[in-house]
């Protein structure tokens, strides 16, 4: 899912407009957004979640690099088989 928080907020429901502003880093006085921000702050303070996130991120990066290497090897092999180098 992609969210464009830079769009025109005219006509949007108040809570949605406040949330989009929050995503852009604007401090807003909106109860639902404050609830979200409180939960975000709790997560940021949970050290074990930070470690888990970083571990997951590093694993994902390793898998991505491995996929790139496999793709390059397959591409070179296919090129050789087709007589291109």
N, C-alpha and C. Protein backbone atom coordinates (compact mmCIF):
# COMPACT_ATOMS: atom_id res chain seq x y z
N UNK A 1 0.84 -1.15 0.00
CA UNK A 1 0.00 0.00 0.00
C UNK A 1 0.90 1.23 0.00
N UNK A 2 0.57 2.19 -0.82
CA UNK A 2 1.29 3.46 -0.87
C UNK A 2 0.32 4.57 -0.49
N UNK A 3 0.80 5.50 0.29
CA UNK A 3 -0.02 6.63 0.71
C UNK A 3 0.70 7.91 0.30
N UNK A 4 0.01 8.75 -0.45
CA UNK A 4 0.56 10.04 -0.82
C UNK A 4 -0.01 11.09 0.12
N UNK A 5 0.79 11.47 1.10
CA UNK A 5 0.34 12.44 2.09
C UNK A 5 0.47 13.88 1.59
N UNK A 6 1.03 14.06 0.40
CA UNK A 6 1.22 15.41 -0.13
C UNK A 6 0.08 15.89 -1.01
N UNK A 7 -0.94 15.09 -1.16
CA UNK A 7 -2.06 15.48 -2.01
C UNK A 7 -2.92 16.56 -1.38
N UNK A 8 -3.92 16.95 -2.12
CA UNK A 8 -4.88 17.96 -1.66
C UNK A 8 -5.80 17.33 -0.61
N UNK A 9 -5.84 17.94 0.55
CA UNK A 9 -6.64 17.40 1.65
C UNK A 9 -8.06 17.95 1.67
N UNK A 10 -8.37 18.83 0.75
CA UNK A 10 -9.69 19.44 0.69
C UNK A 10 -10.76 18.37 0.51
N UNK A 11 -11.77 18.43 1.33
CA UNK A 11 -12.90 17.52 1.20
C UNK A 11 -12.72 16.18 1.89
N UNK A 12 -11.55 15.93 2.46
CA UNK A 12 -11.33 14.67 3.15
C UNK A 12 -11.95 14.72 4.55
N UNK A 13 -12.34 13.58 5.08
CA UNK A 13 -12.81 13.55 6.46
C UNK A 13 -11.71 14.07 7.40
N UNK A 14 -12.11 14.72 8.47
CA UNK A 14 -11.17 15.37 9.38
C UNK A 14 -10.10 14.40 9.89
N UNK A 15 -10.50 13.20 10.30
CA UNK A 15 -9.54 12.24 10.85
C UNK A 15 -8.51 11.80 9.80
N UNK A 16 -8.97 11.60 8.58
CA UNK A 16 -8.05 11.19 7.51
C UNK A 16 -7.08 12.32 7.19
N UNK A 17 -7.57 13.53 7.09
CA UNK A 17 -6.70 14.68 6.81
C UNK A 17 -5.67 14.83 7.93
N UNK A 18 -6.09 14.66 9.18
CA UNK A 18 -5.17 14.77 10.31
C UNK A 18 -4.12 13.67 10.26
N UNK A 19 -4.52 12.46 9.89
CA UNK A 19 -3.58 11.35 9.79
C UNK A 19 -2.55 11.61 8.69
N UNK A 20 -2.99 12.10 7.56
CA UNK A 20 -2.06 12.40 6.47
C UNK A 20 -1.07 13.49 6.88
N UNK A 21 -1.54 14.47 7.62
CA UNK A 21 -0.63 15.51 8.13
C UNK A 21 0.39 14.88 9.09
N UNK A 22 -0.09 13.99 9.94
CA UNK A 22 0.78 13.29 10.89
C UNK A 22 1.87 12.52 10.14
N UNK A 23 1.52 11.86 9.05
CA UNK A 23 2.50 11.13 8.26
C UNK A 23 3.58 12.04 7.71
N UNK A 24 3.23 13.29 7.48
CA UNK A 24 4.20 14.27 6.99
C UNK A 24 5.02 14.90 8.11
N UNK A 25 4.73 14.51 9.35
CA UNK A 25 5.48 15.03 10.48
C UNK A 25 4.88 16.24 11.15
N UNK A 26 3.66 16.59 10.77
CA UNK A 26 2.98 17.74 11.37
C UNK A 26 2.30 17.29 12.66
N UNK A 27 2.49 18.05 13.73
CA UNK A 27 1.82 17.75 14.99
C UNK A 27 0.36 18.18 14.86
N UNK A 28 -0.56 17.26 15.12
CA UNK A 28 -1.98 17.56 14.98
C UNK A 28 -2.70 17.29 16.28
N UNK A 29 -3.76 18.04 16.53
CA UNK A 29 -4.60 17.86 17.71
C UNK A 29 -5.84 17.08 17.29
N UNK A 30 -5.67 15.75 17.24
CA UNK A 30 -6.74 14.87 16.77
C UNK A 30 -6.67 13.59 17.58
N UNK A 31 -7.74 13.23 18.26
CA UNK A 31 -7.71 12.09 19.19
C UNK A 31 -7.29 10.78 18.53
N UNK A 32 -7.88 10.39 17.39
CA UNK A 32 -7.43 9.12 16.77
C UNK A 32 -5.95 9.15 16.40
N UNK A 33 -5.47 10.28 15.91
CA UNK A 33 -4.06 10.38 15.55
C UNK A 33 -3.18 10.33 16.80
N UNK A 34 -3.63 10.95 17.88
CA UNK A 34 -2.88 10.89 19.13
C UNK A 34 -2.79 9.45 19.64
N UNK A 35 -3.86 8.69 19.47
CA UNK A 35 -3.84 7.28 19.87
C UNK A 35 -2.81 6.51 19.05
N UNK A 36 -2.78 6.76 17.76
CA UNK A 36 -1.79 6.11 16.89
C UNK A 36 -0.38 6.51 17.32
N UNK A 37 -0.17 7.79 17.55
CA UNK A 37 1.15 8.28 17.95
C UNK A 37 1.59 7.65 19.27
N UNK A 38 0.67 7.50 20.21
CA UNK A 38 1.01 6.86 21.49
C UNK A 38 1.48 5.43 21.27
N UNK A 39 0.81 4.70 20.40
CA UNK A 39 1.20 3.32 20.11
C UNK A 39 2.55 3.27 19.41
N UNK A 40 2.78 4.19 18.49
CA UNK A 40 4.08 4.26 17.79
C UNK A 40 5.19 4.50 18.80
N UNK A 41 4.97 5.40 19.73
CA UNK A 41 5.98 5.69 20.75
C UNK A 41 6.25 4.47 21.63
N UNK A 42 5.20 3.72 21.98
CA UNK A 42 5.39 2.50 22.76
C UNK A 42 6.26 1.51 22.02
N UNK A 43 5.99 1.34 20.74
CA UNK A 43 6.76 0.39 19.92
C UNK A 43 8.22 0.83 19.84
N UNK A 44 8.45 2.12 19.68
CA UNK A 44 9.82 2.62 19.59
C UNK A 44 10.61 2.34 20.86
N UNK A 45 9.93 2.27 21.99
CA UNK A 45 10.60 2.06 23.27
C UNK A 45 10.80 0.59 23.60
N UNK A 46 10.22 -0.31 22.83
CA UNK A 46 10.36 -1.75 23.08
C UNK A 46 11.63 -2.25 22.44
N UNK A 47 12.66 -2.41 23.22
CA UNK A 47 13.97 -2.79 22.70
C UNK A 47 13.94 -4.13 21.97
N UNK A 48 13.20 -5.10 22.51
CA UNK A 48 13.17 -6.41 21.85
C UNK A 48 12.52 -6.33 20.47
N UNK A 49 11.57 -5.42 20.29
CA UNK A 49 10.96 -5.24 18.97
C UNK A 49 11.95 -4.61 18.01
N UNK A 50 12.78 -3.70 18.54
CA UNK A 50 13.80 -3.08 17.69
C UNK A 50 14.79 -4.13 17.21
N UNK A 51 15.22 -5.00 18.12
CA UNK A 51 16.15 -6.07 17.75
C UNK A 51 15.49 -7.00 16.74
N UNK A 52 14.24 -7.35 16.97
CA UNK A 52 13.52 -8.23 16.05
C UNK A 52 13.38 -7.58 14.67
N UNK A 53 13.07 -6.29 14.65
CA UNK A 53 12.94 -5.58 13.38
C UNK A 53 14.26 -5.57 12.63
N UNK A 54 15.35 -5.24 13.33
CA UNK A 54 16.65 -5.17 12.67
C UNK A 54 17.08 -6.55 12.18
N UNK A 55 16.81 -7.58 12.96
CA UNK A 55 17.13 -8.94 12.54
C UNK A 55 16.36 -9.30 11.28
N UNK A 56 15.09 -8.98 11.27
CA UNK A 56 14.24 -9.24 10.11
C UNK A 56 14.73 -8.45 8.90
N UNK A 57 15.08 -7.19 9.11
CA UNK A 57 15.56 -6.34 8.02
C UNK A 57 16.85 -6.91 7.42
N UNK A 58 17.78 -7.30 8.28
CA UNK A 58 19.04 -7.85 7.79
C UNK A 58 18.82 -9.15 7.04
N UNK A 59 17.92 -10.00 7.55
CA UNK A 59 17.59 -11.26 6.86
C UNK A 59 17.00 -10.96 5.48
N UNK A 60 16.09 -10.00 5.42
CA UNK A 60 15.48 -9.63 4.15
C UNK A 60 16.53 -9.11 3.16
N UNK A 61 17.48 -8.32 3.65
CA UNK A 61 18.53 -7.80 2.77
C UNK A 61 19.42 -8.93 2.26
N UNK A 62 19.72 -9.91 3.12
CA UNK A 62 20.52 -11.07 2.68
C UNK A 62 19.78 -11.85 1.60
N UNK A 63 18.48 -12.06 1.81
CA UNK A 63 17.67 -12.79 0.82
C UNK A 63 17.64 -12.02 -0.49
N UNK A 64 17.51 -10.72 -0.42
CA UNK A 64 17.48 -9.89 -1.63
C UNK A 64 18.80 -10.00 -2.39
N UNK A 65 19.92 -9.88 -1.67
CA UNK A 65 21.23 -9.99 -2.32
C UNK A 65 21.41 -11.36 -2.95
N UNK A 66 20.97 -12.40 -2.26
CA UNK A 66 21.07 -13.76 -2.79
C UNK A 66 20.23 -13.88 -4.07
N UNK A 67 19.04 -13.29 -4.06
CA UNK A 67 18.18 -13.33 -5.24
C UNK A 67 18.82 -12.61 -6.43
N UNK A 68 19.49 -11.50 -6.16
CA UNK A 68 20.15 -10.77 -7.24
C UNK A 68 21.28 -11.62 -7.82
N UNK A 69 22.07 -12.25 -6.94
CA UNK A 69 23.16 -13.11 -7.41
C UNK A 69 22.63 -14.26 -8.26
N UNK A 70 21.57 -14.91 -7.80
CA UNK A 70 20.98 -16.03 -8.55
C UNK A 70 20.48 -15.53 -9.91
N UNK A 71 19.83 -14.39 -9.92
CA UNK A 71 19.32 -13.84 -11.17
C UNK A 71 20.43 -13.53 -12.15
N UNK A 72 21.52 -12.96 -11.66
CA UNK A 72 22.66 -12.67 -12.53
C UNK A 72 23.27 -13.95 -13.09
N UNK A 73 23.43 -14.97 -12.24
CA UNK A 73 23.97 -16.25 -12.69
C UNK A 73 23.07 -16.87 -13.76
N UNK A 74 21.76 -16.85 -13.54
CA UNK A 74 20.83 -17.41 -14.51
C UNK A 74 20.87 -16.63 -15.82
N UNK A 75 20.98 -15.31 -15.73
CA UNK A 75 21.05 -14.49 -16.93
C UNK A 75 22.30 -14.76 -17.74
N UNK A 76 23.44 -14.89 -17.05
CA UNK A 76 24.69 -15.20 -17.75
C UNK A 76 24.62 -16.58 -18.40
N UNK A 77 24.08 -17.55 -17.67
CA UNK A 77 23.95 -18.91 -18.21
C UNK A 77 23.06 -18.90 -19.45
N UNK A 78 21.93 -18.22 -19.37
CA UNK A 78 21.01 -18.15 -20.50
C UNK A 78 21.67 -17.46 -21.69
N UNK A 79 22.42 -16.41 -21.43
CA UNK A 79 23.12 -15.70 -22.50
C UNK A 79 24.14 -16.59 -23.19
N UNK A 80 24.87 -17.37 -22.41
CA UNK A 80 25.85 -18.29 -22.99
C UNK A 80 25.17 -19.36 -23.84
N UNK A 81 24.05 -19.88 -23.33
CA UNK A 81 23.33 -20.90 -24.06
C UNK A 81 22.78 -20.37 -25.38
N UNK A 82 22.46 -19.10 -25.42
CA UNK A 82 21.93 -18.49 -26.64
C UNK A 82 23.04 -17.94 -27.52
N UNK A 83 24.30 -18.13 -27.10
CA UNK A 83 25.42 -17.69 -27.90
C UNK A 83 25.80 -16.23 -27.70
N UNK A 84 25.34 -15.63 -26.64
CA UNK A 84 25.70 -14.24 -26.34
C UNK A 84 26.57 -14.21 -25.09
N UNK A 85 27.50 -13.32 -25.07
CA UNK A 85 28.33 -13.18 -23.86
C UNK A 85 28.50 -11.75 -23.50
